[in-house]
């Protein structure tokens, strides 16, 4: 199971790193405001603009399935800042997941599959890191998404972290792959939020379906 570590209080989010160089307008529901709401007691729940669902693809279940995606299961849907932190602090982070696991966070009612109507014409940006090093990038990707920090957040479907033997990959899925300006904006902002300096590439889902691992990047930032 993906859930299960016992929470010992609310862990603090480190300053700097993925948060450096990001400007937040006062009053915006940004990832920085979500961090602050986590740290400070509040009078009531803080609603997010969208509801989001965590999904888990168990590696032991995948090996027994003939159809890709049939082993993906929804874990929980959240719609407030408090619900998010309650879940995040009680589930394993990428470095603690088994090799072969895929952990997703997608907007409510969007399934993390190419076949989903919202995802069908989309694509994904992907960032890779050595095994056990993606926890902070995964957290700040989630905060940027649910905090509506992207200028084109309406085009974002969700994100997934893939845990493999030597690396972990985080992919940001979007709706309209052919809209180059929108995709480039999302890719550049994602890198800024994570303080990530290497180049990243964008692959169309259609290309991935046709060419699998040999699909080539259409955009690069």
Protein backbone atom coordinates (compact mmCIF):
# COMPACT_ATOMS: atom_id res chain seq x y z
CA UNK A 1 0.00 0.00 0.00
CA UNK A 2 1.08 3.55 -0.63
CA UNK A 3 -0.18 4.87 2.68
CA UNK A 4 1.27 4.02 5.92
CA UNK A 5 3.95 6.03 7.49
CA UNK A 6 3.01 7.33 10.91
CA UNK A 7 2.95 11.11 11.10
CA UNK A 8 5.02 12.72 13.82
CA UNK A 9 3.56 16.19 13.69
CA UNK A 10 3.51 18.29 10.55
CA UNK A 11 6.84 18.32 8.77
CA UNK A 12 8.17 21.71 7.75
CA UNK A 13 8.82 22.72 4.16
CA UNK A 14 12.36 23.93 3.62
CA UNK A 15 12.89 27.49 2.53
CA UNK A 16 14.79 28.20 -0.70
CA UNK A 17 15.63 25.49 -3.22
CA UNK A 18 12.50 24.84 -5.22
CA UNK A 19 10.93 28.00 -3.85
CA UNK A 20 13.69 30.42 -4.85
CA UNK A 21 13.18 32.86 -7.70
CA UNK A 22 9.40 32.50 -7.68
CA UNK A 23 7.33 35.64 -7.37
CA UNK A 24 3.94 35.30 -5.69
CA UNK A 25 1.36 38.05 -6.01
CA UNK A 26 -0.32 39.03 -2.80
CA UNK A 27 -3.71 37.41 -2.41
CA UNK A 28 -3.04 34.58 -4.88
CA UNK A 29 -3.69 30.98 -3.85
CA UNK A 30 -0.06 30.07 -4.63
CA UNK A 31 2.08 27.26 -3.33
CA UNK A 32 3.73 29.69 -0.90
CA UNK A 33 0.34 30.56 0.60
CA UNK A 34 -0.40 26.84 0.94
CA UNK A 35 2.86 26.40 2.82
CA UNK A 36 1.97 29.28 5.14
CA UNK A 37 -1.51 27.89 5.75
CA UNK A 38 0.10 24.62 6.68
CA UNK A 39 2.32 26.29 9.25
CA UNK A 40 -0.25 28.57 10.87
CA UNK A 41 -3.43 27.57 12.71
CA UNK A 42 -6.57 28.67 10.90
CA UNK A 43 -10.23 29.15 11.71
CA UNK A 44 -11.45 26.83 9.01
CA UNK A 45 -10.56 24.85 5.87
CA UNK A 46 -9.03 26.62 2.88
CA UNK A 47 -10.73 25.45 -0.31
CA UNK A 48 -8.69 24.78 -3.44
CA UNK A 49 -9.86 25.98 -6.84
CA UNK A 50 -10.09 22.36 -8.02
CA UNK A 51 -10.48 19.02 -6.29
CA UNK A 52 -7.62 16.57 -6.89
CA UNK A 53 -7.31 12.79 -6.70
CA UNK A 54 -4.28 10.72 -5.75
CA UNK A 55 -3.93 7.50 -7.77
CA UNK A 56 -1.55 4.59 -7.20
CA UNK A 57 -0.30 1.92 -9.60
CA UNK A 58 1.02 -0.96 -7.52
CA UNK A 59 4.06 -2.65 -9.14
CA UNK A 60 3.04 -6.10 -7.88
CA UNK A 61 -0.42 -5.68 -9.41
CA UNK A 62 0.96 -4.35 -12.72
CA UNK A 63 2.95 -7.51 -13.41
CA UNK A 64 -0.24 -9.57 -13.35
CA UNK A 65 -2.29 -7.36 -15.64
CA UNK A 66 -2.53 -7.75 -19.39
CA UNK A 67 -3.88 -4.26 -20.08
CA UNK A 68 -1.83 -1.15 -19.30
CA UNK A 69 -3.53 1.09 -16.78
CA UNK A 70 -5.93 -1.54 -15.45
CA UNK A 71 -4.06 -1.70 -12.13
CA UNK A 72 -4.28 2.06 -11.43
CA UNK A 73 -6.52 2.78 -8.43
CA UNK A 74 -7.81 6.05 -6.95
CA UNK A 75 -6.63 6.53 -3.36
CA UNK A 76 -8.35 9.68 -2.14
CA UNK A 77 -9.79 12.96 -3.43
CA UNK A 78 -9.06 16.22 -1.60
CA UNK A 79 -10.42 19.75 -2.05
CA UNK A 80 -8.86 21.78 0.78
CA UNK A 81 -5.34 22.72 1.86
CA UNK A 82 -5.83 20.88 5.14
CA UNK A 83 -6.95 17.68 3.40
CA UNK A 84 -3.89 17.81 1.18
CA UNK A 85 -1.43 18.05 4.09
CA UNK A 86 -3.31 15.39 6.02
CA UNK A 87 -2.85 13.02 3.09
CA UNK A 88 0.67 14.08 2.14
CA UNK A 89 2.00 13.51 5.66
CA UNK A 90 0.51 10.01 5.84
CA UNK A 91 1.60 8.53 2.53
CA UNK A 92 4.98 7.29 1.41
CA UNK A 93 7.02 9.81 -0.56
CA UNK A 94 8.73 8.74 -3.81
CA UNK A 95 11.97 7.70 -2.11
CA UNK A 96 10.00 5.21 0.03
CA UNK A 97 7.93 3.66 -2.76
CA UNK A 98 8.77 0.29 -4.27
CA UNK A 99 10.60 0.14 -7.59
CA UNK A 100 8.04 0.04 -10.39
CA UNK A 101 5.44 2.11 -8.53
CA UNK A 102 3.62 5.03 -10.17
CA UNK A 103 1.96 7.65 -7.98
CA UNK A 104 -0.35 10.21 -9.58
CA UNK A 105 -2.15 13.41 -8.58
CA UNK A 106 -4.76 14.49 -11.15
CA UNK A 107 -7.66 16.89 -11.23
CA UNK A 108 -10.87 15.27 -10.03
CA UNK A 109 -12.63 13.22 -12.72
CA UNK A 110 -9.53 13.11 -14.96
CA UNK A 111 -7.99 9.64 -15.06
CA UNK A 112 -4.20 9.39 -15.50
CA UNK A 113 -4.49 7.56 -18.81
CA UNK A 114 -3.92 8.49 -22.44
CA UNK A 115 -7.45 7.29 -23.17
CA UNK A 116 -9.10 9.82 -20.87
CA UNK A 117 -10.91 12.36 -23.11
CA UNK A 118 -9.26 15.31 -21.35
CA UNK A 119 -5.77 13.83 -21.75
CA UNK A 120 -6.20 12.35 -25.23
CA UNK A 121 -4.82 15.34 -27.17
CA UNK A 122 -2.21 16.25 -24.61
CA UNK A 123 1.36 15.45 -23.70
CA UNK A 124 3.84 15.65 -20.86
CA UNK A 125 6.94 17.41 -19.61
CA UNK A 126 9.36 15.11 -17.78
CA UNK A 127 12.09 15.68 -15.21
CA UNK A 128 14.43 12.89 -14.06
CA UNK A 129 16.45 12.56 -10.87
CA UNK A 130 18.64 9.87 -9.27
CA UNK A 131 16.80 7.26 -7.21
CA UNK A 132 15.70 8.65 -3.85
CA UNK A 133 16.20 12.32 -4.80
CA UNK A 134 12.77 13.34 -6.15
CA UNK A 135 10.87 13.95 -2.90
CA UNK A 136 11.31 17.75 -2.83
CA UNK A 137 10.61 18.18 -6.55
CA UNK A 138 7.47 16.05 -6.22
CA UNK A 139 6.21 18.15 -3.29
CA UNK A 140 6.80 21.45 -5.07
CA UNK A 141 5.19 20.14 -8.25
CA UNK A 142 2.09 19.28 -6.22
CA UNK A 143 2.09 22.68 -4.51
CA UNK A 144 2.43 24.54 -7.80
CA UNK A 145 -0.45 22.57 -9.32
CA UNK A 146 -2.98 22.66 -6.52
CA UNK A 147 -2.03 26.26 -5.66
CA UNK A 148 -2.85 27.32 -9.25
CA UNK A 149 0.60 28.84 -9.65
CA UNK A 150 0.92 28.21 -13.39
CA UNK A 151 -0.22 30.95 -15.77
CA UNK A 152 -1.91 28.24 -17.85
CA UNK A 153 -3.09 26.05 -15.00
CA UNK A 154 -6.31 25.32 -16.86
CA UNK A 155 -4.25 23.25 -19.30
CA UNK A 156 -2.75 21.01 -16.61
CA UNK A 157 -4.28 17.56 -16.05
CA UNK A 158 -2.00 16.36 -13.26
CA UNK A 159 1.39 14.90 -12.44
CA UNK A 160 2.90 11.46 -11.89
CA UNK A 161 6.10 10.23 -10.27
CA UNK A 162 7.52 6.99 -11.70
CA UNK A 163 9.87 5.07 -9.40
CA UNK A 164 12.41 2.96 -11.25
CA UNK A 165 15.59 1.09 -10.36
CA UNK A 166 18.12 3.85 -10.95
CA UNK A 167 15.97 6.96 -11.21
CA UNK A 168 12.68 8.65 -10.45
CA UNK A 169 10.82 10.57 -13.14
CA UNK A 170 8.20 13.25 -12.58
CA UNK A 171 5.91 14.05 -15.49
CA UNK A 172 3.50 16.97 -15.78
CA UNK A 173 0.55 16.09 -18.03
CA UNK A 174 -1.24 18.77 -20.06
CA UNK A 175 -4.35 18.90 -22.27
CA UNK A 176 -3.46 20.63 -25.54
CA UNK A 177 -0.12 19.40 -26.81
CA UNK A 178 -0.35 21.32 -30.09
CA UNK A 179 -0.54 24.69 -28.32
CA UNK A 180 3.20 25.33 -28.32
CA UNK A 181 3.11 28.69 -26.55
CA UNK A 182 1.10 27.29 -23.65
CA UNK A 183 3.29 24.22 -23.29
CA UNK A 184 6.51 26.25 -23.35
CA UNK A 185 5.12 28.58 -20.69
CA UNK A 186 4.23 25.63 -18.46
CA UNK A 187 7.61 23.98 -18.97
CA UNK A 188 9.55 27.15 -18.18
CA UNK A 189 7.49 27.90 -15.08
CA UNK A 190 7.83 24.34 -13.81
CA UNK A 191 11.61 24.57 -14.05
CA UNK A 192 11.55 27.89 -12.19
CA UNK A 193 9.39 26.52 -9.39
CA UNK A 194 11.77 23.58 -8.92
CA UNK A 195 14.96 25.60 -9.43
CA UNK A 196 15.85 23.02 -12.09
CA UNK A 197 18.58 24.00 -14.53
CA UNK A 198 18.84 21.07 -16.97
CA UNK A 199 16.85 20.93 -20.21
CA UNK A 200 13.50 19.15 -20.15
CA UNK A 201 11.46 17.82 -23.05
CA UNK A 202 7.78 17.61 -23.99
CA UNK A 203 6.37 14.48 -25.66
CA UNK A 204 2.95 14.24 -27.31
CA UNK A 205 0.85 11.34 -26.01
CA UNK A 206 0.11 10.40 -29.62
CA UNK A 207 3.84 10.03 -30.28
CA UNK A 208 4.28 7.97 -27.12
CA UNK A 209 1.48 5.62 -28.21
CA UNK A 210 3.06 5.12 -31.61
CA UNK A 211 6.74 4.98 -30.69
CA UNK A 212 6.75 4.11 -26.98
CA UNK A 213 10.19 4.83 -25.46
CA UNK A 214 11.51 6.00 -28.83
CA UNK A 215 9.14 8.96 -29.00
CA UNK A 216 11.03 12.22 -29.51
CA UNK A 217 10.57 15.54 -27.76
CA UNK A 218 8.48 18.07 -29.70
CA UNK A 219 9.44 20.98 -27.41
CA UNK A 220 12.44 21.60 -25.17
CA UNK A 221 13.14 24.26 -22.53
